[in-house]
Amino acid sequence: MYGNKNFSMSALGRGNNGKWIEIGELELFVSYNTVIAFRTPKTGLVARENDWSTTTGGHMSAVPGNSKEDRISGSEFEKRYNEMLESYGLIKADS
């Protein structure tokens, strides 16, 4: 639905490649086309380690409440991200 007040997107960090997307209670933090962190009431903030560039590192540093010490590995992040998407009915669990 266009104009829905439960959706917003704003810049994350410097430049045009970082985005902070809010859909209802779900927050997604994106660098280029990759989700680097998410937040829900159930999970709190979940952020992955920077496996990419200094630009993505800048986007990660711009995520509110994100600290390097709390970041998790890429494989653990993917697991938790998929579990979150499944819990919101956005993807189906593997059979």
PDB file of N, CA and C in Angstrom:
ATOM      1  N   MET A   1       0.853  -1.178   0.000  1.00  0.00           N
ATOM      2  CA  MET A   1       0.000   0.000   0.000  1.00  0.00           C
ATOM      3  C   MET A   1       0.894   1.234   0.000  1.00  0.00           C
ATOM      4  N   TYR A   2       0.713   2.112  -0.935  1.00  0.00           N
ATOM      5  CA  TYR A   2       1.510   3.331  -1.007  1.00  0.00           C
ATOM      6  C   TYR A   2       1.019   4.322   0.022  1.00  0.00           C
ATOM      7  N   GLY A   3       1.942   5.081   0.561  1.00  0.00           N
ATOM      8  CA  GLY A   3       1.587   6.091   1.550  1.00  0.00           C
ATOM      9  C   GLY A   3       1.311   5.510   2.923  1.00  0.00           C
ATOM     10  N   ASN A   4       1.615   4.241   3.113  1.00  0.00           N
ATOM     11  CA  ASN A   4       1.397   3.591   4.398  1.00  0.00           C
ATOM     12  C   ASN A   4       2.346   4.197   5.428  1.00  0.00           C
ATOM     13  N   LYS A   5       1.821   4.619   6.544  1.00  0.00           N
ATOM     14  CA  LYS A   5       2.647   5.230   7.579  1.00  0.00           C
ATOM     15  C   LYS A   5       3.443   4.194   8.362  1.00  0.00           C
ATOM     16  N   ASN A   6       3.232   2.904   8.073  1.00  0.00           N
ATOM     17  CA  ASN A   6       3.998   1.859   8.731  1.00  0.00           C
ATOM     18  C   ASN A   6       5.251   1.488   7.957  1.00  0.00           C
ATOM     19  N   PHE A   7       5.604   2.284   6.959  1.00  0.00           N
ATOM     20  CA  PHE A   7       6.797   2.044   6.159  1.00  0.00           C
ATOM     21  C   PHE A   7       7.570   3.348   6.028  1.00  0.00           C
ATOM     22  N   SER A   8       8.875   3.257   6.246  1.00  0.00           N
ATOM     23  CA  SER A   8       9.716   4.423   5.969  1.00  0.00           C
ATOM     24  C   SER A   8      11.101   3.944   5.564  1.00  0.00           C
ATOM     25  N   MET A   9      11.782   4.774   4.815  1.00  0.00           N
ATOM     26  CA  MET A   9      13.143   4.487   4.404  1.00  0.00           C
ATOM     27  C   MET A   9      13.933   5.777   4.483  1.00  0.00           C
ATOM     28  N   SER A  10      15.095   5.694   5.102  1.00  0.00           N
ATOM     29  CA  SER A  10      15.939   6.879   5.214  1.00  0.00           C
ATOM     30  C   SER A  10      17.395   6.472   5.000  1.00  0.00           C
ATOM     31  N   ALA A  11      18.230   7.472   4.831  1.00  0.00           N
ATOM     32  CA  ALA A  11      19.653   7.234   4.601  1.00  0.00           C
ATOM     33  C   ALA A  11      20.294   6.673   5.869  1.00  0.00           C
ATOM     34  N   LEU A  12      21.318   5.855   5.651  1.00  0.00           N
ATOM     35  CA  LEU A  12      22.099   5.294   6.749  1.00  0.00           C
ATOM     36  C   LEU A  12      23.555   5.623   6.467  1.00  0.00           C
ATOM     37  N   GLY A  13      24.148   6.441   7.291  1.00  0.00           N
ATOM     38  CA  GLY A  13      25.533   6.828   7.072  1.00  0.00           C
ATOM     39  C   GLY A  13      25.661   7.819   5.926  1.00  0.00           C
ATOM     40  N   ARG A  14      26.894   7.953   5.441  1.00  0.00           N
ATOM     41  CA  ARG A  14      27.156   8.892   4.344  1.00  0.00           C
ATOM     42  C   ARG A  14      26.896   8.236   3.001  1.00  0.00           C
ATOM     43  N   GLY A  15      26.610   9.041   2.015  1.00  0.00           N
ATOM     44  CA  GLY A  15      26.402   8.534   0.664  1.00  0.00           C
ATOM     45  C   GLY A  15      24.990   8.019   0.457  1.00  0.00           C
ATOM     46  N   ASN A  16      24.789   7.425  -0.705  1.00  0.00           N
ATOM     47  CA  ASN A  16      23.460   6.961  -1.089  1.00  0.00           C
ATOM     48  C   ASN A  16      23.278   5.461  -0.949  1.00  0.00           C
ATOM     49  N   ASN A  17      24.288   4.740  -0.494  1.00  0.00           N
ATOM     50  CA  ASN A  17      24.226   3.284  -0.524  1.00  0.00           C
ATOM     51  C   ASN A  17      23.821   2.629   0.781  1.00  0.00           C
ATOM     52  N   GLY A  18      23.604   3.403   1.828  1.00  0.00           N
ATOM     53  CA  GLY A  18      23.132   2.869   3.097  1.00  0.00           C
ATOM     54  C   GLY A  18      21.677   3.257   3.310  1.00  0.00           C
ATOM     55  N   LYS A  19      20.862   2.298   3.724  1.00  0.00           N
ATOM     56  CA  LYS A  19      19.434   2.552   3.950  1.00  0.00           C
ATOM     57  C   LYS A  19      18.987   1.970   5.280  1.00  0.00           C
ATOM     58  N   TRP A  20      18.084   2.690   5.916  1.00  0.00           N
ATOM     59  CA  TRP A  20      17.418   2.250   7.143  1.00  0.00           C
ATOM     60  C   TRP A  20      15.948   2.132   6.771  1.00  0.00           C
ATOM     61  N   ILE A  21      15.453   0.909   6.766  1.00  0.00           N
ATOM     62  CA  ILE A  21      14.089   0.637   6.331  1.00  0.00           C
ATOM     63  C   ILE A  21      13.277   0.162   7.528  1.00  0.00           C
ATOM     64  N   GLU A  22      12.154   0.810   7.760  1.00  0.00           N
ATOM     65  CA  GLU A  22      11.254   0.409   8.836  1.00  0.00           C
ATOM     66  C   GLU A  22       9.930  -0.035   8.226  1.00  0.00           C
ATOM     67  N   ILE A  23       9.524  -1.254   8.557  1.00  0.00           N
ATOM     68  CA  ILE A  23       8.254  -1.814   8.114  1.00  0.00           C
ATOM     69  C   ILE A  23       7.541  -2.279   9.373  1.00  0.00           C
ATOM     70  N   GLY A  24       6.600  -1.481   9.829  1.00  0.00           N
ATOM     71  CA  GLY A  24       5.965  -1.791  11.106  1.00  0.00           C
ATOM     72  C   GLY A  24       7.016  -1.821  12.197  1.00  0.00           C
ATOM     73  N   GLU A  25       7.089  -2.943  12.925  1.00  0.00           N
ATOM     74  CA  GLU A  25       8.047  -3.070  14.020  1.00  0.00           C
ATOM     75  C   GLU A  25       9.402  -3.613  13.576  1.00  0.00           C
ATOM     76  N   LEU A  26       9.525  -3.971  12.310  1.00  0.00           N
ATOM     77  CA  LEU A  26      10.755  -4.524  11.758  1.00  0.00           C
ATOM     78  C   LEU A  26      11.638  -3.410  11.197  1.00  0.00           C
ATOM     79  N   GLU A  27      12.914  -3.421  11.581  1.00  0.00           N
ATOM     80  CA  GLU A  27      13.891  -2.475  11.047  1.00  0.00           C
ATOM     81  C   GLU A  27      14.969  -3.269  10.315  1.00  0.00           C
ATOM     82  N   LEU A  28      15.277  -2.852   9.100  1.00  0.00           N
ATOM     83  CA  LEU A  28      16.343  -3.446   8.304  1.00  0.00           C
ATOM     84  C   LEU A  28      17.382  -2.381   8.008  1.00  0.00           C
ATOM     85  N   PHE A  29      18.634  -2.740   8.148  1.00  0.00           N
ATOM     86  CA  PHE A  29      19.733  -1.829   7.867  1.00  0.00           C
ATOM     87  C   PHE A  29      20.516  -2.430   6.696  1.00  0.00           C
ATOM     88  N   VAL A  30      20.638  -1.671   5.619  1.00  0.00           N
ATOM     89  CA  VAL A  30      21.149  -2.191   4.357  1.00  0.00           C
ATOM     90  C   VAL A  30      22.358  -1.381   3.896  1.00  0.00           C
ATOM     91  N   SER A  31      23.375  -2.087   3.438  1.00  0.00           N
ATOM     92  CA  SER A  31      24.528  -1.469   2.797  1.00  0.00           C
ATOM     93  C   SER A  31      24.556  -1.994   1.371  1.00  0.00           C
ATOM     94  N   TYR A  32      24.497  -1.074   0.427  1.00  0.00           N
ATOM     95  CA  TYR A  32      24.340  -1.434  -0.976  1.00  0.00           C
ATOM     96  C   TYR A  32      23.065  -2.272  -1.084  1.00  0.00           C
ATOM     97  N   ASN A  33      23.113  -3.533  -1.450  1.00  0.00           N
ATOM     98  CA  ASN A  33      21.906  -4.356  -1.553  1.00  0.00           C
ATOM     99  C   ASN A  33      21.895  -5.492  -0.538  1.00  0.00           C
ATOM    100  N   THR A  34      22.663  -5.344   0.541  1.00  0.00           N
ATOM    101  CA  THR A  34      22.827  -6.413   1.515  1.00  0.00           C
ATOM    102  C   THR A  34      22.346  -5.964   2.885  1.00  0.00           C
ATOM    103  N   VAL A  35      21.506  -6.772   3.524  1.00  0.00           N
ATOM    104  CA  VAL A  35      21.081  -6.498   4.899  1.00  0.00           C
ATOM    105  C   VAL A  35      22.263  -6.790   5.809  1.00  0.00           C
ATOM    106  N   ILE A  36      22.660  -5.792   6.585  1.00  0.00           N
ATOM    107  CA  ILE A  36      23.809  -5.940   7.482  1.00  0.00           C
ATOM    108  C   ILE A  36      23.380  -6.032   8.941  1.00  0.00           C
ATOM    109  N   ALA A  37      22.137  -5.647   9.214  1.00  0.00           N
ATOM    110  CA  ALA A  37      21.612  -5.723  10.579  1.00  0.00           C
ATOM    111  C   ALA A  37      20.088  -5.625  10.509  1.00  0.00           C
ATOM    112  N   PHE A  38      19.441  -6.130  11.558  1.00  0.00           N
ATOM    113  CA  PHE A  38      18.001  -5.977  11.679  1.00  0.00           C
ATOM    114  C   PHE A  38      17.647  -5.864  13.152  1.00  0.00           C
ATOM    115  N   ARG A  39      16.465  -5.336  13.401  1.00  0.00           N
ATOM    116  CA  ARG A  39      15.987  -5.200  14.778  1.00  0.00           C
ATOM    117  C   ARG A  39      14.495  -5.486  14.796  1.00  0.00           C
ATOM    118  N   THR A  40      14.072  -6.285  15.766  1.00  0.00           N
ATOM    119  CA  THR A  40      12.653  -6.514  16.036  1.00  0.00           C
ATOM    120  C   THR A  40      12.472  -6.445  17.551  1.00  0.00           C
ATOM    121  N   PRO A  41      11.238  -6.301  18.024  1.00  0.00           N
ATOM    122  CA  PRO A  41      11.031  -6.328  19.474  1.00  0.00           C
ATOM    123  C   PRO A  41      11.489  -7.650  20.104  1.00  0.00           C
ATOM    124  N   LYS A  42      11.333  -8.749  19.375  1.00  0.00           N
ATOM    125  CA  LYS A  42      11.699 -10.067  19.906  1.00  0.00           C
ATOM    126  C   LYS A  42      13.207 -10.295  19.920  1.00  0.00           C
ATOM    127  N   THR A  43      13.906  -9.882  18.853  1.00  0.00           N
ATOM    128  CA  THR A  43      15.333 -10.183  18.723  1.00  0.00           C
ATOM    129  C   THR A  43      16.240  -9.087  19.252  1.00  0.00           C
ATOM    130  N   GLY A  44      15.737  -7.863  19.334  1.00  0.00           N
ATOM    131  CA  GLY A  44      16.626  -6.742  19.569  1.00  0.00           C
ATOM    132  C   GLY A  44      17.472  -6.552  18.331  1.00  0.00           C
ATOM    133  N   LEU A  45      18.573  -5.844  18.455  1.00  0.00           N
ATOM    134  CA  LEU A  45      19.452  -5.607  17.306  1.00  0.00           C
ATOM    135  C   LEU A  45      20.320  -6.831  17.059  1.00  0.00           C
ATOM    136  N   VAL A  46      20.349  -7.275  15.805  1.00  0.00           N
ATOM    137  CA  VAL A  46      21.228  -8.361  15.373  1.00  0.00           C
ATOM    138  C   VAL A  46      22.044  -7.814  14.204  1.00  0.00           C
ATOM    139  N   ALA A  47      23.370  -7.768  14.374  1.00  0.00           N
ATOM    140  CA  ALA A  47      24.248  -7.192  13.352  1.00  0.00           C
ATOM    141  C   ALA A  47      25.373  -8.159  13.053  1.00  0.00           C
ATOM    142  N   ARG A  48      25.757  -8.207  11.787  1.00  0.00           N
ATOM    143  CA  ARG A  48      26.827  -9.115  11.391  1.00  0.00           C
ATOM    144  C   ARG A  48      28.165  -8.400  11.327  1.00  0.00           C
ATOM    145  N   GLU A  49      29.217  -9.187  11.321  1.00  0.00           N
ATOM    146  CA  GLU A  49      30.565  -8.646  11.151  1.00  0.00           C
ATOM    147  C   GLU A  49      30.699  -8.050   9.762  1.00  0.00           C
ATOM    148  N   ASN A  50      31.629  -7.132   9.635  1.00  0.00           N
ATOM    149  CA  ASN A  50      31.883  -6.519   8.334  1.00  0.00           C
ATOM    150  C   ASN A  50      32.825  -7.413   7.531  1.00  0.00           C
ATOM    151  N   ASP A  51      32.268  -8.075   6.514  1.00  0.00           N
ATOM    152  CA  ASP A  51      33.061  -8.917   5.624  1.00  0.00           C
ATOM    153  C   ASP A  51      33.358  -8.194   4.315  1.00  0.00           C
ATOM    154  N   TRP A  52      33.111  -6.905   4.240  1.00  0.00           N
ATOM    155  CA  TRP A  52      33.201  -6.194   2.980  1.00  0.00           C
ATOM    156  C   TRP A  52      34.190  -5.038   3.045  1.00  0.00           C
ATOM    157  N   SER A  53      33.702  -3.826   2.917  1.00  0.00           N
ATOM    158  CA  SER A  53      34.587  -2.668   2.730  1.00  0.00           C
ATOM    159  C   SER A  53      34.465  -1.661   3.867  1.00  0.00           C
ATOM    160  N   THR A  54      35.307  -0.629   3.776  1.00  0.00           N
ATOM    161  CA  THR A  54      35.229   0.443   4.771  1.00  0.00           C
ATOM    162  C   THR A  54      33.923   1.214   4.628  1.00  0.00           C
ATOM    163  N   THR A  55      33.371   1.278   3.416  1.00  0.00           N
ATOM    164  CA  THR A  55      32.078   1.963   3.245  1.00  0.00           C
ATOM    165  C   THR A  55      30.990   1.220   4.011  1.00  0.00           C
ATOM    166  N   THR A  56      30.948  -0.099   3.877  1.00  0.00           N
ATOM    167  CA  THR A  56      29.968  -0.890   4.631  1.00  0.00           C
ATOM    168  C   THR A  56      30.241  -0.761   6.126  1.00  0.00           C
ATOM    169  N   GLY A  57      31.506  -0.704   6.507  1.00  0.00           N
ATOM    170  CA  GLY A  57      31.841  -0.472   7.914  1.00  0.00           C
ATOM    171  C   GLY A  57      31.265   0.834   8.420  1.00  0.00           C
ATOM    172  N   GLY A  58      31.284   1.861   7.580  1.00  0.00           N
ATOM    173  CA  GLY A  58      30.671   3.139   7.946  1.00  0.00           C
ATOM    174  C   GLY A  58      29.168   3.013   8.105  1.00  0.00           C
ATOM    175  N   HIS A  59      28.533   2.245   7.226  1.00  0.00           N
ATOM    176  CA  HIS A  59      27.088   2.020   7.360  1.00  0.00           C
ATOM    177  C   HIS A  59      26.801   1.260   8.655  1.00  0.00           C
ATOM    178  N   MET A  60      27.620   0.271   8.962  1.00  0.00           N
ATOM    179  CA  MET A  60      27.427  -0.502  10.200  1.00  0.00           C
ATOM    180  C   MET A  60      27.569   0.393  11.428  1.00  0.00           C
ATOM    181  N   SER A  61      28.541   1.280  11.393  1.00  0.00           N
ATOM    182  CA  SER A  61      28.738   2.187  12.527  1.00  0.00           C
ATOM    183  C   SER A  61      27.580   3.162  12.704  1.00  0.00           C
ATOM    184  N   ALA A  62      26.828   3.406  11.631  1.00  0.00           N
ATOM    185  CA  ALA A  62      25.696   4.329  11.694  1.00  0.00           C
ATOM    186  C   ALA A  62      24.422   3.676  12.239  1.00  0.00           C
ATOM    187  N   VAL A  63      24.418   2.349  12.382  1.00  0.00           N
ATOM    188  CA  VAL A  63      23.241   1.656  12.924  1.00  0.00           C
ATOM    189  C   VAL A  63      23.140   1.985  14.409  1.00  0.00           C
ATOM    190  N   PRO A  64      22.028   2.575  14.859  1.00  0.00           N
ATOM    191  CA  PRO A  64      21.884   2.930  16.266  1.00  0.00           C
ATOM    192  C   PRO A  64      22.014   1.713  17.181  1.00  0.00           C
ATOM    193  N   GLY A  65      22.892   1.829  18.171  1.00  0.00           N
ATOM    194  CA  GLY A  65      23.070   0.763  19.152  1.00  0.00           C
ATOM    195  C   GLY A  65      24.016  -0.339  18.720  1.00  0.00           C
ATOM    196  N   ASN A  66      24.655  -0.200  17.564  1.00  0.00           N
ATOM    197  CA  ASN A  66      25.533  -1.243  17.044  1.00  0.00           C
ATOM    198  C   ASN A  66      26.954  -1.017  17.522  1.00  0.00           C
ATOM    199  N   SER A  67      27.542  -2.053  18.099  1.00  0.00           N
ATOM    200  CA  SER A  67      28.955  -1.965  18.484  1.00  0.00           C
ATOM    201  C   SER A  67      29.693  -3.161  17.886  1.00  0.00           C
ATOM    202  N   LYS A  68      30.959  -2.982  17.570  1.00  0.00           N
ATOM    203  CA  LYS A  68      31.759  -4.049  16.964  1.00  0.00           C
ATOM    204  C   LYS A  68      31.773  -5.303  17.832  1.00  0.00           C
ATOM    205  N   GLU A  69      31.767  -5.127  19.140  1.00  0.00           N
ATOM    206  CA  GLU A  69      31.851  -6.250  20.068  1.00  0.00           C
ATOM    207  C   GLU A  69      30.616  -7.157  20.003  1.00  0.00           C
ATOM    208  N   ASP A  70      29.484  -6.625  19.595  1.00  0.00           N
ATOM    209  CA  ASP A  70      28.244  -7.396  19.572  1.00  0.00           C
ATOM    210  C   ASP A  70      27.937  -8.032  18.220  1.00  0.00           C
ATOM    211  N   ARG A  71      28.736  -7.780  17.218  1.00  0.00           N
ATOM    212  CA  ARG A  71      28.475  -8.308  15.880  1.00  0.00           C
ATOM    213  C   ARG A  71      28.773  -9.804  15.831  1.00  0.00           C
ATOM    214  N   ILE A  72      28.001 -10.508  15.005  1.00  0.00           N
ATOM    215  CA  ILE A  72      28.139 -11.955  14.903  1.00  0.00           C
ATOM    216  C   ILE A  72      28.642 -12.346  13.518  1.00  0.00           C
ATOM    217  N   SER A  73      29.075 -13.584  13.390  1.00  0.00           N
ATOM    218  CA  SER A  73      29.602 -14.058  12.109  1.00  0.00           C
ATOM    219  C   SER A  73      28.529 -14.025  11.030  1.00  0.00           C
ATOM    220  N   GLY A  74      28.966 -14.016   9.788  1.00  0.00           N
ATOM    221  CA  GLY A  74      28.043 -14.001   8.664  1.00  0.00           C
ATOM    222  C   GLY A  74      27.115 -15.199   8.662  1.00  0.00           C
ATOM    223  N   SER A  75      27.643 -16.392   8.955  1.00  0.00           N
ATOM    224  CA  SER A  75      26.793 -17.591   8.936  1.00  0.00           C
ATOM    225  C   SER A  75      25.752 -17.558  10.056  1.00  0.00           C
ATOM    226  N   GLU A  76      26.133 -17.101  11.241  1.00  0.00           N
ATOM    227  CA  GLU A  76      25.160 -16.997  12.341  1.00  0.00           C
ATOM    228  C   GLU A  76      24.130 -15.919  12.034  1.00  0.00           C
ATOM    229  N   PHE A  77      24.564 -14.813  11.430  1.00  0.00           N
ATOM    230  CA  PHE A  77      23.638 -13.754  11.054  1.00  0.00           C
ATOM    231  C   PHE A  77      22.613 -14.272  10.057  1.00  0.00           C
ATOM    232  N   GLU A  78      23.065 -14.983   9.024  1.00  0.00           N
ATOM    233  CA  GLU A  78      22.149 -15.519   8.008  1.00  0.00           C
ATOM    234  C   GLU A  78      21.117 -16.443   8.649  1.00  0.00           C
ATOM    235  N   LYS A  79      21.550 -17.276   9.591  1.00  0.00           N
ATOM    236  CA  LYS A  79      20.638 -18.176  10.302  1.00  0.00           C
ATOM    237  C   LYS A  79      19.569 -17.379  11.039  1.00  0.00           C
ATOM    238  N   ARG A  80      19.992 -16.403  11.823  1.00  0.00           N
ATOM    239  CA  ARG A  80      19.032 -15.600  12.602  1.00  0.00           C
ATOM    240  C   ARG A  80      18.146 -14.742  11.705  1.00  0.00           C
ATOM    241  N   TYR A  81      18.702 -14.223  10.624  1.00  0.00           N
ATOM    242  CA  TYR A  81      17.929 -13.411   9.684  1.00  0.00           C
ATOM    243  C   TYR A  81      16.834 -14.252   9.045  1.00  0.00           C
ATOM    244  N   ASN A  82      17.185 -15.453   8.603  1.00  0.00           N
ATOM    245  CA  ASN A  82      16.182 -16.337   8.004  1.00  0.00           C
ATOM    246  C   ASN A  82      15.118 -16.755   9.014  1.00  0.00           C
ATOM    247  N   GLU A  83      15.505 -17.007  10.255  1.00  0.00           N
ATOM    248  CA  GLU A  83      14.532 -17.334  11.298  1.00  0.00           C
ATOM    249  C   GLU A  83      13.568 -16.168  11.518  1.00  0.00           C
ATOM    250  N   MET A  84      14.097 -14.950  11.526  1.00  0.00           N
ATOM    251  CA  MET A  84      13.253 -13.773  11.703  1.00  0.00           C
ATOM    252  C   MET A  84      12.292 -13.631  10.534  1.00  0.00           C
ATOM    253  N   LEU A  85      12.796 -13.767   9.296  1.00  0.00           N
ATOM    254  CA  LEU A  85      11.924 -13.665   8.123  1.00  0.00           C
ATOM    255  C   LEU A  85      10.828 -14.724   8.167  1.00  0.00           C
ATOM    256  N   GLU A  86      11.179 -15.920   8.577  1.00  0.00           N
ATOM    257  CA  GLU A  86      10.202 -16.998   8.698  1.00  0.00           C
ATOM    258  C   GLU A  86       9.152 -16.657   9.752  1.00  0.00           C
ATOM    259  N   SER A  87       9.573 -16.089  10.866  1.00  0.00           N
ATOM    260  CA  SER A  87       8.630 -15.757  11.944  1.00  0.00           C
ATOM    261  C   SER A  87       7.630 -14.684  11.511  1.00  0.00           C
ATOM    262  N   TYR A  88       8.013 -13.838  10.551  1.00  0.00           N
ATOM    263  CA  TYR A  88       7.119 -12.816  10.013  1.00  0.00           C
ATOM    264  C   TYR A  88       6.349 -13.319   8.782  1.00  0.00           C
ATOM    265  N   GLY A  89       6.551 -14.580   8.433  1.00  0.00           N
ATOM    266  CA  GLY A  89       5.862 -15.139   7.276  1.00  0.00           C
ATOM    267  C   GLY A  89       6.378 -14.630   5.949  1.00  0.00           C
ATOM    268  N   LEU A  90       7.620 -14.159   5.924  1.00  0.00           N
ATOM    269  CA  LEU A  90       8.185 -13.595   4.697  1.00  0.00           C
ATOM    270  C   LEU A  90       8.912 -14.632   3.858  1.00  0.00           C
ATOM    271  N   ILE A  91       9.293 -15.735   4.480  1.00  0.00           N
ATOM    272  CA  ILE A  91       9.846 -16.869   3.738  1.00  0.00           C
ATOM    273  C   ILE A  91       9.306 -18.141   4.375  1.00  0.00           C
ATOM    274  N   LYS A  92       9.366 -19.229   3.626  1.00  0.00           N
ATOM    275  CA  LYS A  92       8.951 -20.536   4.137  1.00  0.00           C
ATOM    276  C   LYS A  92      10.176 -21.274   4.652  1.00  0.00           C
ATOM    277  N   ALA A  93       9.963 -22.062   5.711  1.00  0.00           N
ATOM    278  CA  ALA A  93      11.040 -22.874   6.234  1.00  0.00           C
ATOM    279  C   ALA A  93      11.382 -23.962   5.234  1.00  0.00           C
ATOM    280  N   ASP A  94      12.668 -24.338   5.203  1.00  0.00           N
ATOM    281  CA  ASP A  94      13.070 -25.451   4.342  1.00  0.00           C
ATOM    282  C   ASP A  94      12.437 -26.730   4.862  1.00  0.00           C
ATOM    283  N   SER A  95      11.977 -27.547   3.962  1.00  0.00           N
ATOM    284  CA  SER A  95      11.341 -28.813   4.347  1.00  0.00           C
ATOM    285  C   SER A  95      12.375 -29.872   4.614  1.00  0.00           C
TER     286      SER A  95
END
